[in-house]
PDB file of N, CA and C in Angstrom:
ATOM      1  N   MET A   1     -21.933  16.031 -14.976  1.00  0.00           N
ATOM      2  CA  MET A   1     -22.250  14.708 -14.466  1.00  0.00           C
ATOM      3  C   MET A   1     -20.960  13.929 -14.223  1.00  0.00           C
ATOM      4  N   ALA A   2     -20.860  13.306 -13.071  1.00  0.00           N
ATOM      5  CA  ALA A   2     -19.662  12.552 -12.702  1.00  0.00           C
ATOM      6  C   ALA A   2     -19.562  11.262 -13.509  1.00  0.00           C
ATOM      7  N   THR A   3     -18.337  10.894 -13.810  1.00  0.00           N
ATOM      8  CA  THR A   3     -18.081   9.665 -14.545  1.00  0.00           C
ATOM      9  C   THR A   3     -17.805   8.545 -13.545  1.00  0.00           C
ATOM     10  N   SER A   4     -18.399   7.379 -13.769  1.00  0.00           N
ATOM     11  CA  SER A   4     -18.174   6.249 -12.872  1.00  0.00           C
ATOM     12  C   SER A   4     -16.748   5.725 -13.049  1.00  0.00           C
ATOM     13  N   LYS A   5     -16.280   4.980 -12.040  1.00  0.00           N
ATOM     14  CA  LYS A   5     -14.944   4.385 -12.131  1.00  0.00           C
ATOM     15  C   LYS A   5     -14.830   3.471 -13.339  1.00  0.00           C
ATOM     16  N   ALA A   6     -15.860   2.673 -13.571  1.00  0.00           N
ATOM     17  CA  ALA A   6     -15.834   1.724 -14.691  1.00  0.00           C
ATOM     18  C   ALA A   6     -15.739   2.468 -16.023  1.00  0.00           C
ATOM     19  N   GLU A   7     -16.507   3.536 -16.160  1.00  0.00           N
ATOM     20  CA  GLU A   7     -16.487   4.310 -17.405  1.00  0.00           C
ATOM     21  C   GLU A   7     -15.137   5.006 -17.574  1.00  0.00           C
ATOM     22  N   ARG A   8     -14.601   5.560 -16.487  1.00  0.00           N
ATOM     23  CA  ARG A   8     -13.305   6.234 -16.561  1.00  0.00           C
ATOM     24  C   ARG A   8     -12.210   5.235 -16.948  1.00  0.00           C
ATOM     25  N   ARG A   9     -12.265   4.040 -16.367  1.00  0.00           N
ATOM     26  CA  ARG A   9     -11.273   3.016 -16.709  1.00  0.00           C
ATOM     27  C   ARG A   9     -11.384   2.637 -18.184  1.00  0.00           C
ATOM     28  N   ARG A  10     -12.618   2.478 -18.684  1.00  0.00           N
ATOM     29  CA  ARG A  10     -12.807   2.158 -20.113  1.00  0.00           C
ATOM     30  C   ARG A  10     -12.227   3.253 -21.001  1.00  0.00           C
ATOM     31  N   GLN A  11     -12.452   4.516 -20.637  1.00  0.00           N
ATOM     32  CA  GLN A  11     -11.923   5.630 -21.420  1.00  0.00           C
ATOM     33  C   GLN A  11     -10.398   5.620 -21.444  1.00  0.00           C
ATOM     34  N   LEU A  12      -9.796   5.404 -20.287  1.00  0.00           N
ATOM     35  CA  LEU A  12      -8.337   5.390 -20.210  1.00  0.00           C
ATOM     36  C   LEU A  12      -7.744   4.205 -20.967  1.00  0.00           C
ATOM     37  N   LEU A  13      -8.378   3.046 -20.867  1.00  0.00           N
ATOM     38  CA  LEU A  13      -7.894   1.870 -21.609  1.00  0.00           C
ATOM     39  C   LEU A  13      -8.000   2.081 -23.110  1.00  0.00           C
ATOM     40  N   ALA A  14      -9.060   2.736 -23.556  1.00  0.00           N
ATOM     41  CA  ALA A  14      -9.239   2.988 -24.991  1.00  0.00           C
ATOM     42  C   ALA A  14      -8.189   3.987 -25.499  1.00  0.00           C
ATOM     43  N   ARG A  15      -7.861   4.962 -24.664  1.00  0.00           N
ATOM     44  CA  ARG A  15      -6.890   5.989 -25.064  1.00  0.00           C
ATOM     45  C   ARG A  15      -5.467   5.434 -25.097  1.00  0.00           C
ATOM     46  N   ASP A  16      -5.050   4.777 -24.017  1.00  0.00           N
ATOM     47  CA  ASP A  16      -3.692   4.239 -23.940  1.00  0.00           C
ATOM     48  C   ASP A  16      -3.651   3.140 -22.884  1.00  0.00           C
ATOM     49  N   PRO A  17      -3.629   1.867 -23.289  1.00  0.00           N
ATOM     50  CA  PRO A  17      -3.677   0.753 -22.328  1.00  0.00           C
ATOM     51  C   PRO A  17      -2.322   0.407 -21.711  1.00  0.00           C
ATOM     52  N   HIS A  18      -1.614   1.416 -21.201  1.00  0.00           N
ATOM     53  CA  HIS A  18      -0.303   1.187 -20.594  1.00  0.00           C
ATOM     54  C   HIS A  18      -0.242   1.840 -19.219  1.00  0.00           C
ATOM     55  N   CYS A  19       0.549   1.238 -18.336  1.00  0.00           N
ATOM     56  CA  CYS A  19       0.764   1.780 -16.993  1.00  0.00           C
ATOM     57  C   CYS A  19       1.467   3.132 -17.121  1.00  0.00           C
ATOM     58  N   ALA A  20       0.934   4.152 -16.452  1.00  0.00           N
ATOM     59  CA  ALA A  20       1.531   5.484 -16.508  1.00  0.00           C
ATOM     60  C   ALA A  20       2.864   5.530 -15.771  1.00  0.00           C
ATOM     61  N   ASN A  21       3.147   4.551 -14.932  1.00  0.00           N
ATOM     62  CA  ASN A  21       4.380   4.542 -14.161  1.00  0.00           C
ATOM     63  C   ASN A  21       5.497   3.784 -14.873  1.00  0.00           C
ATOM     64  N   CYS A  22       5.231   2.545 -15.316  1.00  0.00           N
ATOM     65  CA  CYS A  22       6.303   1.718 -15.889  1.00  0.00           C
ATOM     66  C   CYS A  22       6.131   1.430 -17.385  1.00  0.00           C
ATOM     67  N   GLY A  23       4.962   1.711 -17.946  1.00  0.00           N
ATOM     68  CA  GLY A  23       4.744   1.501 -19.372  1.00  0.00           C
ATOM     69  C   GLY A  23       4.267   0.113 -19.768  1.00  0.00           C
ATOM     70  N   THR A  24       4.067  -0.769 -18.800  1.00  0.00           N
ATOM     71  CA  THR A  24       3.573  -2.121 -19.078  1.00  0.00           C
ATOM     72  C   THR A  24       2.159  -2.050 -19.646  1.00  0.00           C
ATOM     73  N   GLU A  25       1.856  -2.888 -20.636  1.00  0.00           N
ATOM     74  CA  GLU A  25       0.497  -2.942 -21.149  1.00  0.00           C
ATOM     75  C   GLU A  25      -0.408  -3.558 -20.084  1.00  0.00           C
ATOM     76  N   VAL A  26      -1.508  -2.865 -19.771  1.00  0.00           N
ATOM     77  CA  VAL A  26      -2.403  -3.328 -18.711  1.00  0.00           C
ATOM     78  C   VAL A  26      -3.660  -3.947 -19.302  1.00  0.00           C
ATOM     79  N   ILE A  27      -4.295  -4.805 -18.494  1.00  0.00           N
ATOM     80  CA  ILE A  27      -5.534  -5.450 -18.903  1.00  0.00           C
ATOM     81  C   ILE A  27      -6.582  -5.205 -17.827  1.00  0.00           C
ATOM     82  N   TYR A  28      -7.832  -5.347 -18.197  1.00  0.00           N
ATOM     83  CA  TYR A  28      -8.900  -5.240 -17.203  1.00  0.00           C
ATOM     84  C   TYR A  28     -10.037  -6.177 -17.590  1.00  0.00           C
ATOM     85  N   TYR A  29     -10.589  -6.839 -16.593  1.00  0.00           N
ATOM     86  CA  TYR A  29     -11.770  -7.690 -16.754  1.00  0.00           C
ATOM     87  C   TYR A  29     -12.424  -7.759 -15.390  1.00  0.00           C
ATOM     88  N   LYS A  30     -13.640  -8.237 -15.330  1.00  0.00           N
ATOM     89  CA  LYS A  30     -14.331  -8.369 -14.046  1.00  0.00           C
ATOM     90  C   LYS A  30     -13.794  -9.612 -13.350  1.00  0.00           C
ATOM     91  N   PRO A  31     -13.038  -9.419 -12.260  1.00  0.00           N
ATOM     92  CA  PRO A  31     -12.450 -10.579 -11.583  1.00  0.00           C
ATOM     93  C   PRO A  31     -13.472 -11.384 -10.800  1.00  0.00           C
ATOM     94  N   ARG A  32     -13.199 -12.673 -10.674  1.00  0.00           N
ATOM     95  CA  ARG A  32     -14.036 -13.532  -9.836  1.00  0.00           C
ATOM     96  C   ARG A  32     -13.691 -13.270  -8.379  1.00  0.00           C
ATOM     97  N   PRO A  33     -14.597 -13.558  -7.457  1.00  0.00           N
ATOM     98  CA  PRO A  33     -14.293 -13.363  -6.035  1.00  0.00           C
ATOM     99  C   PRO A  33     -13.054 -14.167  -5.613  1.00  0.00           C
ATOM    100  N   HIS A  34     -12.187 -13.541  -4.845  1.00  0.00           N
ATOM    101  CA  HIS A  34     -10.969 -14.150  -4.297  1.00  0.00           C
ATOM    102  C   HIS A  34      -9.959 -14.562  -5.357  1.00  0.00           C
ATOM    103  N   GLU A  35     -10.087 -14.032  -6.555  1.00  0.00           N
ATOM    104  CA  GLU A  35      -9.137 -14.345  -7.624  1.00  0.00           C
ATOM    105  C   GLU A  35      -7.858 -13.537  -7.431  1.00  0.00           C
ATOM    106  N   ARG A  36      -6.711 -14.180  -7.617  1.00  0.00           N
ATOM    107  CA  ARG A  36      -5.446 -13.453  -7.561  1.00  0.00           C
ATOM    108  C   ARG A  36      -5.290 -12.715  -8.884  1.00  0.00           C
ATOM    109  N   LEU A  37      -5.150 -11.397  -8.797  1.00  0.00           N
ATOM    110  CA  LEU A  37      -5.065 -10.570  -9.996  1.00  0.00           C
ATOM    111  C   LEU A  37      -3.655 -10.599 -10.568  1.00  0.00           C
ATOM    112  N   PRO A  38      -3.534 -10.556 -11.905  1.00  0.00           N
ATOM    113  CA  PRO A  38      -2.206 -10.545 -12.515  1.00  0.00           C
ATOM    114  C   PRO A  38      -1.495  -9.215 -12.257  1.00  0.00           C
ATOM    115  N   ASP A  39      -0.171  -9.210 -12.371  1.00  0.00           N
ATOM    116  CA  ASP A  39       0.610  -7.993 -12.130  1.00  0.00           C
ATOM    117  C   ASP A  39       0.245  -6.859 -13.080  1.00  0.00           C
ATOM    118  N   ASN A  40      -0.220  -7.182 -14.289  1.00  0.00           N
ATOM    119  CA  ASN A  40      -0.547  -6.128 -15.248  1.00  0.00           C
ATOM    120  C   ASN A  40      -2.039  -5.763 -15.240  1.00  0.00           C
ATOM    121  N   PHE A  41      -2.734  -6.066 -14.149  1.00  0.00           N
ATOM    122  CA  PHE A  41      -4.154  -5.713 -14.008  1.00  0.00           C
ATOM    123  C   PHE A  41      -4.259  -4.200 -13.837  1.00  0.00           C
ATOM    124  N   ALA A  42      -5.163  -3.558 -14.554  1.00  0.00           N
ATOM    125  CA  ALA A  42      -5.304  -2.093 -14.542  1.00  0.00           C
ATOM    126  C   ALA A  42      -5.967  -1.600 -13.260  1.00  0.00           C
ATOM    127  N   THR A  43      -5.299  -0.657 -12.584  1.00  0.00           N
ATOM    128  CA  THR A  43      -5.877   0.015 -11.425  1.00  0.00           C
ATOM    129  C   THR A  43      -5.914   1.504 -11.717  1.00  0.00           C
ATOM    130  N   LEU A  44      -6.814   2.215 -11.052  1.00  0.00           N
ATOM    131  CA  LEU A  44      -6.883   3.662 -11.200  1.00  0.00           C
ATOM    132  C   LEU A  44      -6.061   4.309 -10.106  1.00  0.00           C
ATOM    133  N   GLU A  45      -5.295   5.317 -10.452  1.00  0.00           N
ATOM    134  CA  GLU A  45      -4.427   5.990  -9.490  1.00  0.00           C
ATOM    135  C   GLU A  45      -4.531   7.494  -9.692  1.00  0.00           C
ATOM    136  N   HIS A  46      -4.681   8.224  -8.589  1.00  0.00           N
ATOM    137  CA  HIS A  46      -4.698   9.687  -8.659  1.00  0.00           C
ATOM    138  C   HIS A  46      -3.270  10.204  -8.733  1.00  0.00           C
ATOM    139  N   VAL A  47      -3.028  11.141  -9.643  1.00  0.00           N
ATOM    140  CA  VAL A  47      -1.733  11.788  -9.721  1.00  0.00           C
ATOM    141  C   VAL A  47      -1.709  12.823  -8.602  1.00  0.00           C
ATOM    142  N   ASN A  48      -0.676  12.809  -7.791  1.00  0.00           N
ATOM    143  CA  ASN A  48      -0.576  13.718  -6.654  1.00  0.00           C
ATOM    144  C   ASN A  48      -0.477  15.157  -7.146  1.00  0.00           C
ATOM    145  N   SER A  49      -1.483  15.950  -6.887  1.00  0.00           N
ATOM    146  CA  SER A  49      -1.519  17.312  -7.405  1.00  0.00           C
ATOM    147  C   SER A  49      -0.537  18.238  -6.705  1.00  0.00           C
ATOM    148  N   ARG A  50      -0.025  17.871  -5.527  1.00  0.00           N
ATOM    149  CA  ARG A  50       0.939  18.723  -4.823  1.00  0.00           C
ATOM    150  C   ARG A  50       2.363  18.461  -5.287  1.00  0.00           C
ATOM    151  N   ASN A  51       2.580  17.391  -6.042  1.00  0.00           N
ATOM    152  CA  ASN A  51       3.911  17.045  -6.504  1.00  0.00           C
ATOM    153  C   ASN A  51       4.286  17.948  -7.676  1.00  0.00           C
ATOM    154  N   GLN A  52       5.242  18.819  -7.461  1.00  0.00           N
ATOM    155  CA  GLN A  52       5.615  19.789  -8.489  1.00  0.00           C
ATOM    156  C   GLN A  52       6.358  19.153  -9.662  1.00  0.00           C
ATOM    157  N   SER A  53       6.863  17.922  -9.497  1.00  0.00           N
ATOM    158  CA  SER A  53       7.568  17.261 -10.596  1.00  0.00           C
ATOM    159  C   SER A  53       6.595  16.692 -11.632  1.00  0.00           C
ATOM    160  N   VAL A  54       5.319  16.587 -11.272  1.00  0.00           N
ATOM    161  CA  VAL A  54       4.308  16.080 -12.210  1.00  0.00           C
ATOM    162  C   VAL A  54       3.920  17.208 -13.157  1.00  0.00           C
ATOM    163  N   PRO A  55       3.912  16.975 -14.462  1.00  0.00           N
ATOM    164  CA  PRO A  55       3.532  18.031 -15.402  1.00  0.00           C
ATOM    165  C   PRO A  55       2.146  18.594 -15.072  1.00  0.00           C
ATOM    166  N   ARG A  56       1.988  19.891 -15.177  1.00  0.00           N
ATOM    167  CA  ARG A  56       0.760  20.580 -14.785  1.00  0.00           C
ATOM    168  C   ARG A  56      -0.520  19.970 -15.371  1.00  0.00           C
ATOM    169  N   PRO A  57      -0.557  19.581 -16.660  1.00  0.00           N
ATOM    170  CA  PRO A  57      -1.809  19.016 -17.187  1.00  0.00           C
ATOM    171  C   PRO A  57      -2.235  17.707 -16.516  1.00  0.00           C
ATOM    172  N   LEU A  58      -1.302  16.997 -15.873  1.00  0.00           N
ATOM    173  CA  LEU A  58      -1.638  15.724 -15.241  1.00  0.00           C
ATOM    174  C   LEU A  58      -2.060  15.868 -13.784  1.00  0.00           C
ATOM    175  N   ARG A  59      -1.739  16.969 -13.143  1.00  0.00           N
ATOM    176  CA  ARG A  59      -2.019  17.128 -11.715  1.00  0.00           C
ATOM    177  C   ARG A  59      -3.511  16.993 -11.430  1.00  0.00           C
ATOM    178  N   GLY A  60      -3.826  16.183 -10.424  1.00  0.00           N
ATOM    179  CA  GLY A  60      -5.219  15.988 -10.028  1.00  0.00           C
ATOM    180  C   GLY A  60      -5.989  15.026 -10.919  1.00  0.00           C
ATOM    181  N   LYS A  61      -5.336  14.445 -11.887  1.00  0.00           N
ATOM    182  CA  LYS A  61      -5.999  13.531 -12.823  1.00  0.00           C
ATOM    183  C   LYS A  61      -5.918  12.093 -12.337  1.00  0.00           C
ATOM    184  N   VAL A  62      -6.717  11.256 -12.957  1.00  0.00           N
ATOM    185  CA  VAL A  62      -6.688   9.814 -12.689  1.00  0.00           C
ATOM    186  C   VAL A  62      -6.011   9.148 -13.879  1.00  0.00           C
ATOM    187  N   VAL A  63      -5.059   8.243 -13.588  1.00  0.00           N
ATOM    188  CA  VAL A  63      -4.336   7.543 -14.640  1.00  0.00           C
ATOM    189  C   VAL A  63      -4.387   6.045 -14.354  1.00  0.00           C
ATOM    190  N   LEU A  64      -4.003   5.253 -15.336  1.00  0.00           N
ATOM    191  CA  LEU A  64      -3.917   3.797 -15.156  1.00  0.00           C
ATOM    192  C   LEU A  64      -2.540   3.431 -14.626  1.00  0.00           C
ATOM    193  N   TRP A  65      -2.521   2.557 -13.638  1.00  0.00           N
ATOM    194  CA  TRP A  65      -1.287   1.961 -13.148  1.00  0.00           C
ATOM    195  C   TRP A  65      -1.498   0.459 -13.137  1.00  0.00           C
ATOM    196  N   CYS A  66      -0.419  -0.288 -13.329  1.00  0.00           N
ATOM    197  CA  CYS A  66      -0.534  -1.735 -13.201  1.00  0.00           C
ATOM    198  C   CYS A  66      -0.590  -2.087 -11.710  1.00  0.00           C
ATOM    199  N   ARG A  67      -1.137  -3.231 -11.409  1.00  0.00           N
ATOM    200  CA  ARG A  67      -1.285  -3.673 -10.019  1.00  0.00           C
ATOM    201  C   ARG A  67       0.070  -3.739  -9.312  1.00  0.00           C
ATOM    202  N   ARG A  68       1.102  -4.182 -10.018  1.00  0.00           N
ATOM    203  CA  ARG A  68       2.433  -4.311  -9.420  1.00  0.00           C
ATOM    204  C   ARG A  68       2.977  -2.944  -8.969  1.00  0.00           C
ATOM    205  N   CYS A  69       2.900  -1.934  -9.819  1.00  0.00           N
ATOM    206  CA  CYS A  69       3.388  -0.594  -9.453  1.00  0.00           C
ATOM    207  C   CYS A  69       2.574  -0.021  -8.291  1.00  0.00           C
ATOM    208  N   ASN A  70       1.266  -0.222  -8.329  1.00  0.00           N
ATOM    209  CA  ASN A  70       0.399   0.291  -7.270  1.00  0.00           C
ATOM    210  C   ASN A  70       0.749  -0.382  -5.940  1.00  0.00           C
ATOM    211  N   GLN A  71       0.997  -1.673  -5.961  1.00  0.00           N
ATOM    212  CA  GLN A  71       1.327  -2.397  -4.736  1.00  0.00           C
ATOM    213  C   GLN A  71       2.698  -1.976  -4.202  1.00  0.00           C
ATOM    214  N   GLU A  72       3.669  -1.807  -5.081  1.00  0.00           N
ATOM    215  CA  GLU A  72       5.007  -1.379  -4.657  1.00  0.00           C
ATOM    216  C   GLU A  72       4.962   0.016  -4.036  1.00  0.00           C
ATOM    217  N   ARG A  73       4.181   0.925  -4.632  1.00  0.00           N
ATOM    218  CA  ARG A  73       4.038   2.274  -4.095  1.00  0.00           C
ATOM    219  C   ARG A  73       3.407   2.217  -2.715  1.00  0.00           C
ATOM    220  N   SER A  74       2.385   1.410  -2.575  1.00  0.00           N
ATOM    221  CA  SER A  74       1.696   1.277  -1.300  1.00  0.00           C
ATOM    222  C   SER A  74       2.628   0.722  -0.225  1.00  0.00           C
ATOM    223  N   GLU A  75       3.399  -0.293  -0.558  1.00  0.00           N
ATOM    224  CA  GLU A  75       4.335  -0.888   0.402  1.00  0.00           C
ATOM    225  C   GLU A  75       5.402   0.114   0.818  1.00  0.00           C
ATOM    226  N   ALA A  76       5.873   0.940  -0.131  1.00  0.00           N
ATOM    227  CA  ALA A  76       6.880   1.955   0.190  1.00  0.00           C
ATOM    228  C   ALA A  76       6.298   3.018   1.121  1.00  0.00           C
ATOM    229  N   GLU A  77       5.056   3.412   0.893  1.00  0.00           N
ATOM    230  CA  GLU A  77       4.410   4.400   1.756  1.00  0.00           C
ATOM    231  C   GLU A  77       4.229   3.857   3.166  1.00  0.00           C
ATOM    232  N   VAL A  78       3.820   2.612   3.282  1.00  0.00           N
ATOM    233  CA  VAL A  78       3.627   1.999   4.596  1.00  0.00           C
ATOM    234  C   VAL A  78       4.969   1.881   5.322  1.00  0.00           C
ATOM    235  N   ALA A  79       6.029   1.508   4.615  1.00  0.00           N
ATOM    236  CA  ALA A  79       7.347   1.370   5.238  1.00  0.00           C
ATOM    237  C   ALA A  79       7.852   2.714   5.761  1.00  0.00           C
ATOM    238  N   ALA A  80       7.486   3.803   5.099  1.00  0.00           N
ATOM    239  CA  ALA A  80       7.945   5.126   5.508  1.00  0.00           C
ATOM    240  C   ALA A  80       7.068   5.755   6.594  1.00  0.00           C
ATOM    241  N   MET A  81       5.916   5.163   6.859  1.00  0.00           N
ATOM    242  CA  MET A  81       4.965   5.737   7.810  1.00  0.00           C
ATOM    243  C   MET A  81       5.385   5.434   9.252  1.00  0.00           C
ATOM    244  N   ALA A  82       5.149   6.379  10.132  1.00  0.00           N
ATOM    245  CA  ALA A  82       5.461   6.193  11.549  1.00  0.00           C
ATOM    246  C   ALA A  82       4.575   5.098  12.141  1.00  0.00           C
ATOM    247  N   LYS A  83       5.124   4.343  13.097  1.00  0.00           N
ATOM    248  CA  LYS A  83       4.380   3.229  13.697  1.00  0.00           C
ATOM    249  C   LYS A  83       3.079   3.685  14.350  1.00  0.00           C
ATOM    250  N   ASP A  84       3.096   4.825  15.045  1.00  0.00           N
ATOM    251  CA  ASP A  84       1.854   5.261  15.696  1.00  0.00           C
ATOM    252  C   ASP A  84       0.782   5.616  14.671  1.00  0.00           C
ATOM    253  N   GLU A  85       1.186   6.102  13.489  1.00  0.00           N
ATOM    254  CA  GLU A  85       0.211   6.384  12.425  1.00  0.00           C
ATOM    255  C   GLU A  85      -0.364   5.080  11.881  1.00  0.00           C
ATOM    256  N   LEU A  86       0.471   4.069  11.705  1.00  0.00           N
ATOM    257  CA  LEU A  86      -0.014   2.763  11.251  1.00  0.00           C
ATOM    258  C   LEU A  86      -1.008   2.180  12.246  1.00  0.00           C
ATOM    259  N   TRP A  87      -0.676   2.266  13.517  1.00  0.00           N
ATOM    260  CA  TRP A  87      -1.576   1.751  14.548  1.00  0.00           C
ATOM    261  C   TRP A  87      -2.885   2.522  14.567  1.00  0.00           C
ATOM    262  N   ARG A  88      -2.804   3.851  14.408  1.00  0.00           N
ATOM    263  CA  ARG A  88      -4.021   4.666  14.389  1.00  0.00           C
ATOM    264  C   ARG A  88      -4.925   4.257  13.225  1.00  0.00           C
ATOM    265  N   ARG A  89      -4.341   4.061  12.063  1.00  0.00           N
ATOM    266  CA  ARG A  89      -5.128   3.691  10.882  1.00  0.00           C
ATOM    267  C   ARG A  89      -5.706   2.295  10.979  1.00  0.00           C
ATOM    268  N   SER A  90      -5.011   1.391  11.659  1.00  0.00           N
ATOM    269  CA  SER A  90      -5.498   0.019  11.763  1.00  0.00           C
ATOM    270  C   SER A  90      -6.593  -0.116  12.808  1.00  0.00           C
ATOM    271  N   GLY A  91      -6.721   0.866  13.697  1.00  0.00           N
ATOM    272  CA  GLY A  91      -7.728   0.803  14.744  1.00  0.00           C
ATOM    273  C   GLY A  91      -7.273   0.000  15.942  1.00  0.00           C
ATOM    274  N   ARG A  92      -6.027  -0.416  15.957  1.00  0.00           N
ATOM    275  CA  ARG A  92      -5.496  -1.216  17.062  1.00  0.00           C
ATOM    276  C   ARG A  92      -4.370  -0.457  17.754  1.00  0.00           C
ATOM    277  N   LEU A  93      -4.655   0.756  18.132  1.00  0.00           N
ATOM    278  CA  LEU A  93      -3.667   1.606  18.773  1.00  0.00           C
ATOM    279  C   LEU A  93      -3.341   1.082  20.168  1.00  0.00           C
ATOM    280  N   PRO A  94      -2.069   0.856  20.489  1.00  0.00           N
ATOM    281  CA  PRO A  94      -1.708   0.386  21.825  1.00  0.00           C
ATOM    282  C   PRO A  94      -2.185   1.368  22.897  1.00  0.00           C
ATOM    283  N   GLU A  95      -2.483   0.870  24.060  1.00  0.00           N
ATOM    284  CA  GLU A  95      -3.034   1.672  25.152  1.00  0.00           C
ATOM    285  C   GLU A  95      -2.142   2.867  25.489  1.00  0.00           C
ATOM    286  N   ALA A  96      -0.835   2.678  25.497  1.00  0.00           N
ATOM    287  CA  ALA A  96       0.084   3.774  25.834  1.00  0.00           C
ATOM    288  C   ALA A  96      -0.072   4.932  24.856  1.00  0.00           C
ATOM    289  N   LEU A  97      -0.233   4.618  23.589  1.00  0.00           N
ATOM    290  CA  LEU A  97      -0.403   5.674  22.594  1.00  0.00           C
ATOM    291  C   LEU A  97      -1.783   6.311  22.700  1.00  0.00           C
ATOM    292  N   ARG A  98      -2.802   5.524  23.036  1.00  0.00           N
ATOM    293  CA  ARG A  98      -4.151   6.086  23.211  1.00  0.00           C
ATOM    294  C   ARG A  98      -4.157   7.104  24.344  1.00  0.00           C
ATOM    295  N   GLU A  99      -3.480   6.764  25.445  1.00  0.00           N
ATOM    296  CA  GLU A  99      -3.431   7.678  26.579  1.00  0.00           C
ATOM    297  C   GLU A  99      -2.673   8.940  26.214  1.00  0.00           C
ATOM    298  N   ARG A 100      -1.596   8.816  25.442  1.00  0.00           N
ATOM    299  CA  ARG A 100      -0.810   9.980  25.012  1.00  0.00           C
ATOM    300  C   ARG A 100      -1.646  10.895  24.137  1.00  0.00           C
ATOM    301  N   GLN A 101      -2.526  10.330  23.276  1.00  0.00           N
ATOM    302  CA  GLN A 101      -3.357  11.140  22.407  1.00  0.00           C
ATOM    303  C   GLN A 101      -4.448  11.857  23.193  1.00  0.00           C
ATOM    304  N   ARG A 102      -4.951  11.237  24.264  1.00  0.00           N
ATOM    305  CA  ARG A 102      -5.999  11.868  25.075  1.00  0.00           C
ATOM    306  C   ARG A 102      -5.475  13.061  25.847  1.00  0.00           C
ATOM    307  N   ALA A 103      -4.194  13.019  26.197  1.00  0.00           N
ATOM    308  CA  ALA A 103      -3.602  14.077  27.025  1.00  0.00           C
ATOM    309  C   ALA A 103      -3.386  15.360  26.264  1.00  0.00           C
TER     310      ALA A 103
END
C-alpha cells in the first residue's frame, strides 16, 4: 500500500527533523492560503537515483529539505536550462521555435 505525502512527511519528521541538504531543523504545519512559508519549512525531495555520488541506500528515496534549499536548487536548475526548453515548459514557445520543432 502506498504511503501518502502527509504520512511520509510525518515519518521523516519523527525520524530526523533536519534538512538533508544543509542540516537546518525543519518545521511543518498546514499553511493558510497565500501564506509566505518560512525558509525552514519542510518540503519533500526525491534523491536523484542516477547520481552516483549519492550513497546507494538513499538513491530513489524521499528526504526532507528546507524550503530555502529546495528553492535555491530549483533556481540553479532553471538558470542552467536552455531557453527553448524553458519556453517549451512554460507553454509560451515563440513562433520561430514552434516552426523549427514542426520541421
